Amino acid sequence: MTIFLDTSFVVAVYNAQDENHTKAIGIGADLREGVYGHAYTSDFVFDEAVTLAWVRTRRRALALRVGRFFFPEEGKPAPATMLHVDEGTVKNAWESWVRHEAPLSLTDWTIVAQTQALRIEHVASFDSKLDPWVSRVH
């Protein structure tokens, strides 16, 4: 079993004021126990999560904590394998963004493309707009 960690999940873990904070903490506990198997995320999600944490809260310390989720202190394992969004995936995501009128961000379309290409079974996300394309844990 595999799971992809989306921006909304990661930010909710660290932002106690996020409406999904408690749910995110529960999913995080399940991840640590291996309930969903191996976890993945991407460099696009890293960028989006740090930016979103900063923009929503204007708290640099919180944005740094979100960033350290992806790149923990030396000697500590990362909770997810960081996938790099290559040019082909970006092109696929862009074509999906152009083709569909769904209100998904380009980063969301890269998640759809990567989960489909790598057969990642679930996505930890609080973004219901992903539902037609992924099996969402929320």
Protein backbone atom coordinates (compact mmCIF):
# COMPACT_ATOMS: atom_id res chain seq x y z
CA MET A 1 0.00 0.00 0.00
CA THR A 2 1.17 3.55 -0.72
CA ILE A 3 0.06 7.11 0.01
CA PHE A 4 0.93 10.56 -1.35
CA LEU A 5 1.06 13.45 1.14
CA ASP A 6 -0.58 16.63 -0.19
CA THR A 7 -0.06 20.23 0.85
CA SER A 8 -3.31 20.55 2.79
CA PHE A 9 -2.41 17.56 4.96
CA VAL A 10 1.12 18.72 5.77
CA VAL A 11 0.08 22.28 6.58
CA ALA A 12 -2.79 21.05 8.77
CA VAL A 13 -0.38 18.90 10.80
CA TYR A 14 1.63 21.96 11.83
CA ASN A 15 -1.04 24.68 11.95
CA ALA A 16 -3.10 24.18 15.11
CA GLN A 17 -5.59 26.75 13.83
CA ASP A 18 -6.29 24.79 10.64
CA GLU A 19 -9.80 23.34 10.71
CA ASN A 20 -8.35 19.93 9.78
CA HIS A 21 -5.53 19.92 12.36
CA THR A 22 -7.00 17.16 14.55
CA LYS A 23 -7.76 14.96 11.53
CA ALA A 24 -4.24 15.53 10.20
CA ILE A 25 -2.70 14.51 13.52
CA GLY A 26 -4.73 11.28 13.39
CA ILE A 27 -3.66 10.52 9.83
CA GLY A 28 -0.06 11.28 10.85
CA ALA A 29 -0.31 8.70 13.64
CA ASP A 30 -1.61 6.15 11.14
CA LEU A 31 1.29 6.96 8.81
CA ARG A 32 3.83 6.38 11.59
CA GLU A 33 2.18 3.02 12.33
CA GLY A 34 2.46 2.03 8.67
CA VAL A 35 -1.29 1.83 8.05
CA TYR A 36 -0.89 3.26 4.54
CA GLY A 37 2.46 1.72 3.71
CA HIS A 38 5.14 3.82 2.07
CA ALA A 39 4.54 7.57 1.87
CA TYR A 40 5.49 9.86 -1.01
CA THR A 41 5.32 13.59 -1.65
CA SER A 42 6.94 15.90 -4.20
CA ASP A 43 9.13 18.93 -4.58
CA PHE A 44 6.09 20.86 -5.88
CA VAL A 45 4.17 20.00 -2.69
CA PHE A 46 7.19 21.08 -0.61
CA ASP A 47 7.21 24.46 -2.34
CA GLU A 48 3.45 24.88 -2.10
CA ALA A 49 3.28 23.81 1.57
CA VAL A 50 5.99 26.17 2.81
CA THR A 51 4.52 29.02 0.78
CA LEU A 52 0.96 28.31 1.95
CA ALA A 53 2.00 28.07 5.61
CA TRP A 54 3.77 31.42 5.31
CA VAL A 55 0.97 33.16 3.40
CA ARG A 56 -1.83 31.89 5.66
CA THR A 57 -0.15 32.57 8.99
CA ARG A 58 2.71 35.03 8.35
CA ARG A 59 4.55 32.95 10.94
CA ARG A 60 8.02 32.17 9.69
CA ALA A 61 8.57 29.62 12.47
CA LEU A 62 5.53 27.65 11.31
CA ALA A 63 6.66 27.77 7.67
CA LEU A 64 10.08 26.51 8.79
CA ARG A 65 8.48 23.63 10.71
CA VAL A 66 6.50 22.70 7.59
CA GLY A 67 9.70 22.77 5.52
CA ARG A 68 11.49 20.59 8.05
CA PHE A 69 8.77 17.98 7.64
CA PHE A 70 10.19 17.42 4.16
CA PHE A 71 13.84 17.92 5.15
CA PRO A 72 14.23 16.91 8.81
CA GLU A 73 17.33 17.54 10.87
CA GLU A 74 20.34 15.43 10.01
CA GLY A 75 20.04 11.88 11.28
CA LYS A 76 16.24 11.87 11.30
CA PRO A 77 14.41 10.05 8.51
CA ALA A 78 12.07 11.94 6.22
CA PRO A 79 8.47 10.77 6.66
CA ALA A 80 7.99 10.50 2.89
CA THR A 81 10.03 9.87 -0.22
CA MET A 82 10.42 13.13 -2.13
CA LEU A 83 9.48 12.69 -5.79
CA HIS A 84 10.79 15.21 -8.26
CA VAL A 85 8.34 16.56 -10.78
CA ASP A 86 10.08 16.08 -14.10
CA GLU A 87 9.37 17.87 -17.36
CA GLY A 88 7.09 15.10 -18.65
CA THR A 89 4.97 15.23 -15.51
CA VAL A 90 4.75 19.02 -15.71
CA LYS A 91 3.68 18.76 -19.35
CA ASN A 92 1.07 16.11 -18.47
CA ALA A 93 -0.21 18.26 -15.59
CA TRP A 94 -0.35 21.35 -17.79
CA GLU A 95 -2.30 19.47 -20.47
CA SER A 96 -4.76 18.28 -17.81
CA TRP A 97 -5.12 21.81 -16.45
CA VAL A 98 -5.87 23.11 -19.96
CA ARG A 99 -8.24 20.24 -20.83
CA HIS A 100 -10.34 20.21 -17.64
CA GLU A 101 -12.30 23.02 -16.09
CA ALA A 102 -11.85 21.43 -12.67
CA PRO A 103 -10.69 23.91 -10.04
CA LEU A 104 -7.38 22.14 -9.42
CA SER A 105 -4.04 23.90 -9.13
CA LEU A 106 -1.18 22.91 -11.38
CA THR A 107 0.43 21.28 -8.33
CA ASP A 108 -2.73 19.21 -7.84
CA TRP A 109 -2.53 18.04 -11.45
CA THR A 110 1.11 16.97 -10.87
CA ILE A 111 -0.15 14.91 -7.90
CA VAL A 112 -2.77 13.26 -10.10
CA ALA A 113 -0.16 12.54 -12.78
CA GLN A 114 2.38 11.12 -10.31
CA THR A 115 -0.10 8.98 -8.38
CA GLN A 116 -1.43 7.51 -11.61
CA ALA A 117 2.00 6.92 -13.16
CA LEU A 118 3.41 5.33 -9.99
CA ARG A 119 0.17 3.62 -8.97
CA ILE A 120 0.14 5.30 -5.58
CA GLU A 121 -3.10 4.15 -4.01
CA HIS A 122 -4.12 7.00 -1.71
CA VAL A 123 -3.62 10.73 -1.22
CA ALA A 124 -3.68 12.33 2.24
CA SER A 125 -5.49 15.57 1.46
CA PHE A 126 -8.31 17.77 2.67
CA ASP A 127 -8.93 19.04 -0.87
CA SER A 128 -12.17 17.40 -2.03
CA LYS A 129 -11.64 18.73 -5.56
CA LEU A 130 -9.19 15.84 -6.00
CA ASP A 131 -11.91 13.22 -5.44
CA PRO A 132 -12.69 12.45 -9.10
CA TRP A 133 -9.03 11.57 -9.73
CA VAL A 134 -7.60 10.04 -6.54
CA SER A 135 -8.59 7.93 -3.53
CA ARG A 136 -8.38 10.52 -0.79
CA VAL A 137 -7.68 9.89 2.91
CA HIS A 138 -9.14 12.74 4.96
